[in-house]
């Protein structure tokens, strides 16, 4: 996964395959995923142990990322699952090797 030339990210976290999912948007995906993994912020992702990065899209412009995040949040669950499984059928943690 290359992060060069991009500043904004829409991502999906999960606690397990076909489990609970969370959709978010950030300008620093490595920092934000670290926050999710460590439970830095209280809220939905901490409560449901959503620490597995299973999907990400990259955008040059913030408005494109915001628009896409809103779109995905309004999708039916089975559409979101199909999107994840198109590139990551086993729901592997794409950030598994980012941190020590």
N, C-alpha and C. Protein backbone atom coordinates (compact mmCIF):
# COMPACT_ATOMS: atom_id res chain seq x y z
N UNK A 1 0.85 -1.18 0.00
CA UNK A 1 0.00 0.00 0.00
C UNK A 1 0.89 1.24 0.00
N UNK A 2 0.80 2.05 -1.00
CA UNK A 2 1.63 3.26 -1.09
C UNK A 2 0.82 4.48 -0.66
N UNK A 3 1.45 5.34 0.14
CA UNK A 3 0.76 6.50 0.66
C UNK A 3 1.27 7.80 0.05
N UNK A 4 2.19 7.72 -0.86
CA UNK A 4 2.74 8.93 -1.46
C UNK A 4 1.71 9.61 -2.36
N UNK A 5 1.76 10.91 -2.38
CA UNK A 5 0.89 11.74 -3.22
C UNK A 5 -0.56 11.77 -2.77
N UNK A 6 -0.84 11.23 -1.60
CA UNK A 6 -2.19 11.27 -1.08
C UNK A 6 -2.16 11.92 0.30
N UNK A 7 -3.22 12.62 0.63
CA UNK A 7 -3.28 13.27 1.92
C UNK A 7 -4.47 12.84 2.74
N UNK A 8 -5.45 12.21 2.13
CA UNK A 8 -6.68 11.89 2.84
C UNK A 8 -7.07 10.45 2.57
N UNK A 9 -7.64 9.83 3.59
CA UNK A 9 -7.91 8.39 3.54
C UNK A 9 -9.30 8.10 4.09
N UNK A 10 -10.01 7.23 3.41
CA UNK A 10 -11.26 6.67 3.91
C UNK A 10 -10.91 5.21 4.21
N UNK A 11 -11.30 4.76 5.40
CA UNK A 11 -10.88 3.43 5.81
C UNK A 11 -12.01 2.69 6.50
N UNK A 12 -11.87 1.37 6.52
CA UNK A 12 -12.83 0.52 7.22
C UNK A 12 -12.06 -0.35 8.20
N UNK A 13 -12.51 -0.36 9.44
CA UNK A 13 -11.97 -1.22 10.48
C UNK A 13 -12.99 -2.31 10.80
N UNK A 14 -12.50 -3.43 11.29
CA UNK A 14 -13.37 -4.51 11.74
C UNK A 14 -12.75 -5.18 12.95
N UNK A 15 -13.57 -5.90 13.68
CA UNK A 15 -13.04 -6.67 14.81
C UNK A 15 -12.74 -8.11 14.41
N UNK A 16 -13.36 -8.59 13.34
CA UNK A 16 -13.13 -9.93 12.82
C UNK A 16 -13.82 -10.02 11.46
N UNK A 17 -13.57 -11.10 10.75
CA UNK A 17 -14.23 -11.31 9.46
C UNK A 17 -15.74 -11.34 9.65
N UNK A 18 -16.44 -10.56 8.85
CA UNK A 18 -17.90 -10.42 8.89
C UNK A 18 -18.42 -9.89 10.22
N UNK A 19 -17.55 -9.26 10.98
CA UNK A 19 -17.94 -8.71 12.28
C UNK A 19 -18.42 -7.27 12.16
N UNK A 20 -18.34 -6.58 13.27
CA UNK A 20 -18.72 -5.18 13.32
C UNK A 20 -17.71 -4.37 12.52
N UNK A 21 -18.20 -3.36 11.79
CA UNK A 21 -17.30 -2.51 11.01
C UNK A 21 -17.49 -1.04 11.38
N UNK A 22 -16.44 -0.28 11.10
CA UNK A 22 -16.40 1.17 11.36
C UNK A 22 -15.81 1.82 10.13
N UNK A 23 -16.41 2.90 9.68
CA UNK A 23 -15.90 3.65 8.53
C UNK A 23 -15.46 5.01 9.03
N UNK A 24 -14.25 5.42 8.63
CA UNK A 24 -13.74 6.70 9.05
C UNK A 24 -12.96 7.38 7.94
N UNK A 25 -12.55 8.61 8.21
CA UNK A 25 -11.78 9.41 7.28
C UNK A 25 -10.71 10.14 8.08
N UNK A 26 -9.51 10.25 7.52
CA UNK A 26 -8.42 10.91 8.22
C UNK A 26 -7.42 11.49 7.23
N UNK A 27 -6.57 12.38 7.75
CA UNK A 27 -5.47 12.89 6.92
C UNK A 27 -4.15 12.20 7.30
N UNK A 28 -4.18 11.30 8.28
CA UNK A 28 -2.98 10.57 8.70
C UNK A 28 -3.41 9.16 9.10
N UNK A 29 -3.41 8.26 8.16
CA UNK A 29 -3.97 6.93 8.42
C UNK A 29 -3.14 6.13 9.42
N UNK A 30 -1.83 6.27 9.39
CA UNK A 30 -1.01 5.51 10.33
C UNK A 30 -1.26 5.96 11.76
N UNK A 31 -1.38 7.25 11.98
CA UNK A 31 -1.68 7.75 13.32
C UNK A 31 -3.08 7.32 13.75
N UNK A 32 -4.04 7.46 12.87
CA UNK A 32 -5.43 7.17 13.22
C UNK A 32 -5.63 5.68 13.51
N UNK A 33 -5.05 4.82 12.72
CA UNK A 33 -5.17 3.39 12.97
C UNK A 33 -4.49 3.04 14.29
N UNK A 34 -3.36 3.65 14.58
CA UNK A 34 -2.69 3.43 15.87
C UNK A 34 -3.61 3.82 17.02
N UNK A 35 -4.30 4.94 16.87
CA UNK A 35 -5.25 5.36 17.91
C UNK A 35 -6.36 4.32 18.10
N UNK A 36 -6.85 3.78 17.02
CA UNK A 36 -7.87 2.73 17.11
C UNK A 36 -7.30 1.48 17.79
N UNK A 37 -6.12 1.07 17.38
CA UNK A 37 -5.52 -0.16 17.91
C UNK A 37 -5.22 -0.06 19.41
N UNK A 38 -4.89 1.12 19.87
CA UNK A 38 -4.52 1.30 21.28
C UNK A 38 -5.68 1.77 22.14
N UNK A 39 -6.85 2.00 21.54
CA UNK A 39 -8.00 2.46 22.30
C UNK A 39 -7.82 3.87 22.83
N UNK A 40 -7.07 4.68 22.10
CA UNK A 40 -6.75 6.04 22.52
C UNK A 40 -7.99 6.89 22.77
N UNK A 41 -8.98 6.76 21.91
CA UNK A 41 -10.21 7.53 22.04
C UNK A 41 -11.36 6.64 22.49
N UNK A 42 -12.19 7.17 23.36
CA UNK A 42 -13.40 6.47 23.76
C UNK A 42 -14.39 6.51 22.59
N UNK A 43 -15.23 5.52 22.52
CA UNK A 43 -16.26 5.55 21.49
C UNK A 43 -16.53 4.20 20.88
N UNK A 44 -17.18 4.22 19.74
CA UNK A 44 -17.66 3.02 19.08
C UNK A 44 -16.54 2.03 18.78
N UNK A 45 -15.44 2.52 18.19
CA UNK A 45 -14.38 1.59 17.80
C UNK A 45 -13.72 0.94 19.01
N UNK A 46 -13.58 1.67 20.09
CA UNK A 46 -13.00 1.09 21.30
C UNK A 46 -13.97 0.09 21.93
N UNK A 47 -15.23 0.46 22.01
CA UNK A 47 -16.25 -0.38 22.63
C UNK A 47 -16.36 -1.74 21.93
N UNK A 48 -16.23 -1.75 20.60
CA UNK A 48 -16.39 -3.00 19.84
C UNK A 48 -15.05 -3.60 19.40
N UNK A 49 -13.94 -3.08 19.94
CA UNK A 49 -12.61 -3.62 19.66
C UNK A 49 -12.30 -3.65 18.17
N UNK A 50 -12.57 -2.54 17.51
CA UNK A 50 -12.36 -2.44 16.06
C UNK A 50 -10.93 -1.94 15.81
N UNK A 51 -10.04 -2.87 15.56
CA UNK A 51 -8.63 -2.52 15.43
C UNK A 51 -7.99 -3.08 14.16
N UNK A 52 -8.76 -3.80 13.36
CA UNK A 52 -8.23 -4.43 12.16
C UNK A 52 -8.57 -3.57 10.94
N UNK A 53 -7.56 -3.00 10.30
CA UNK A 53 -7.76 -2.22 9.08
C UNK A 53 -7.98 -3.20 7.94
N UNK A 54 -9.19 -3.21 7.39
CA UNK A 54 -9.52 -4.19 6.35
C UNK A 54 -9.70 -3.57 4.97
N UNK A 55 -9.77 -2.23 4.91
CA UNK A 55 -9.99 -1.57 3.62
C UNK A 55 -9.56 -0.12 3.73
N UNK A 56 -9.00 0.42 2.65
CA UNK A 56 -8.65 1.84 2.61
C UNK A 56 -8.67 2.36 1.18
N UNK A 57 -9.08 3.60 1.07
CA UNK A 57 -9.03 4.33 -0.21
C UNK A 57 -8.27 5.62 0.05
N UNK A 58 -7.61 6.12 -0.98
CA UNK A 58 -6.75 7.28 -0.85
C UNK A 58 -7.22 8.42 -1.74
N UNK A 59 -7.17 9.64 -1.21
CA UNK A 59 -7.67 10.80 -1.94
C UNK A 59 -6.70 11.97 -1.81
N UNK A 60 -6.62 12.71 -2.88
CA UNK A 60 -5.78 13.91 -2.90
C UNK A 60 -6.50 15.08 -2.24
N UNK A 61 -7.81 15.13 -2.36
CA UNK A 61 -8.58 16.28 -1.88
C UNK A 61 -9.54 15.88 -0.76
N UNK A 62 -9.60 16.69 0.26
CA UNK A 62 -10.41 16.40 1.43
C UNK A 62 -11.88 16.23 1.08
N UNK A 63 -12.40 17.04 0.18
CA UNK A 63 -13.82 16.97 -0.15
C UNK A 63 -14.19 15.64 -0.80
N UNK A 64 -13.26 15.09 -1.58
CA UNK A 64 -13.50 13.78 -2.19
C UNK A 64 -13.57 12.70 -1.11
N UNK A 65 -12.69 12.78 -0.14
CA UNK A 65 -12.68 11.79 0.95
C UNK A 65 -13.93 11.90 1.80
N UNK A 66 -14.33 13.11 2.13
CA UNK A 66 -15.54 13.32 2.93
C UNK A 66 -16.76 12.79 2.19
N UNK A 67 -16.86 13.08 0.91
CA UNK A 67 -17.99 12.61 0.10
C UNK A 67 -18.05 11.08 0.09
N UNK A 68 -16.88 10.45 -0.09
CA UNK A 68 -16.83 8.99 -0.14
C UNK A 68 -17.17 8.37 1.22
N UNK A 69 -16.66 8.95 2.31
CA UNK A 69 -16.99 8.44 3.64
C UNK A 69 -18.49 8.48 3.87
N UNK A 70 -19.13 9.58 3.54
CA UNK A 70 -20.58 9.69 3.71
C UNK A 70 -21.31 8.67 2.85
N UNK A 71 -20.83 8.50 1.62
CA UNK A 71 -21.45 7.52 0.73
C UNK A 71 -21.39 6.12 1.32
N UNK A 72 -20.20 5.71 1.77
CA UNK A 72 -20.04 4.37 2.32
C UNK A 72 -20.87 4.16 3.58
N UNK A 73 -20.97 5.18 4.41
CA UNK A 73 -21.76 5.05 5.64
C UNK A 73 -23.24 4.85 5.33
N UNK A 74 -23.68 5.29 4.17
CA UNK A 74 -25.08 5.12 3.79
C UNK A 74 -25.35 3.83 3.02
N UNK A 75 -24.32 3.09 2.71
CA UNK A 75 -24.49 1.83 1.98
C UNK A 75 -25.11 0.76 2.88
N UNK A 76 -25.76 -0.20 2.24
CA UNK A 76 -26.23 -1.39 2.94
C UNK A 76 -25.02 -2.21 3.39
N UNK A 77 -25.17 -2.94 4.47
CA UNK A 77 -24.07 -3.72 5.01
C UNK A 77 -23.48 -4.70 3.98
N UNK A 78 -24.32 -5.38 3.23
CA UNK A 78 -23.80 -6.37 2.28
C UNK A 78 -22.97 -5.71 1.17
N UNK A 79 -23.24 -4.46 0.83
CA UNK A 79 -22.42 -3.73 -0.13
C UNK A 79 -21.04 -3.45 0.47
N UNK A 80 -21.01 -3.07 1.73
CA UNK A 80 -19.74 -2.80 2.41
C UNK A 80 -18.90 -4.06 2.49
N UNK A 81 -19.54 -5.18 2.82
CA UNK A 81 -18.82 -6.44 2.89
C UNK A 81 -18.26 -6.83 1.53
N UNK A 82 -19.03 -6.65 0.49
CA UNK A 82 -18.56 -6.96 -0.87
C UNK A 82 -17.37 -6.08 -1.24
N UNK A 83 -17.40 -4.81 -0.84
CA UNK A 83 -16.29 -3.90 -1.13
C UNK A 83 -15.02 -4.39 -0.44
N UNK A 84 -15.13 -4.74 0.82
CA UNK A 84 -13.97 -5.25 1.56
C UNK A 84 -13.44 -6.52 0.90
N UNK A 85 -14.32 -7.46 0.63
CA UNK A 85 -13.90 -8.76 0.14
C UNK A 85 -13.40 -8.75 -1.29
N UNK A 86 -13.69 -7.69 -2.02
CA UNK A 86 -13.17 -7.58 -3.39
C UNK A 86 -11.64 -7.56 -3.38
N UNK A 87 -11.03 -6.85 -2.42
CA UNK A 87 -9.57 -6.75 -2.34
C UNK A 87 -8.98 -7.50 -1.16
N UNK A 88 -9.81 -7.84 -0.17
CA UNK A 88 -9.30 -8.45 1.06
C UNK A 88 -10.28 -9.53 1.53
N UNK A 89 -10.38 -10.64 0.79
CA UNK A 89 -11.40 -11.65 1.09
C UNK A 89 -11.27 -12.29 2.47
N UNK A 90 -10.09 -12.31 3.04
CA UNK A 90 -9.89 -12.90 4.36
C UNK A 90 -9.95 -11.87 5.48
N UNK A 91 -10.21 -10.63 5.14
CA UNK A 91 -10.30 -9.54 6.13
C UNK A 91 -9.01 -9.44 6.95
N UNK A 92 -7.88 -9.58 6.28
CA UNK A 92 -6.59 -9.47 6.95
C UNK A 92 -6.36 -8.02 7.40
N UNK A 93 -5.59 -7.86 8.45
CA UNK A 93 -5.25 -6.52 8.95
C UNK A 93 -4.18 -5.92 8.05
N UNK A 94 -4.55 -4.92 7.26
CA UNK A 94 -3.62 -4.29 6.33
C UNK A 94 -2.54 -3.50 7.04
N UNK A 95 -2.73 -3.24 8.32
CA UNK A 95 -1.76 -2.47 9.12
C UNK A 95 -1.03 -3.36 10.12
N UNK A 96 -1.06 -4.65 9.92
CA UNK A 96 -0.48 -5.60 10.89
C UNK A 96 1.00 -5.36 11.14
N UNK A 97 1.72 -4.90 10.12
CA UNK A 97 3.17 -4.72 10.28
C UNK A 97 3.60 -3.26 10.35
N UNK A 98 2.68 -2.35 10.65
CA UNK A 98 3.01 -0.93 10.71
C UNK A 98 3.71 -0.51 12.00
N UNK A 99 3.50 -1.23 13.06
CA UNK A 99 3.96 -0.80 14.37
C UNK A 99 4.80 -1.88 15.03
N UNK A 100 5.67 -1.46 15.93
CA UNK A 100 6.50 -2.43 16.68
C UNK A 100 5.73 -3.02 17.83
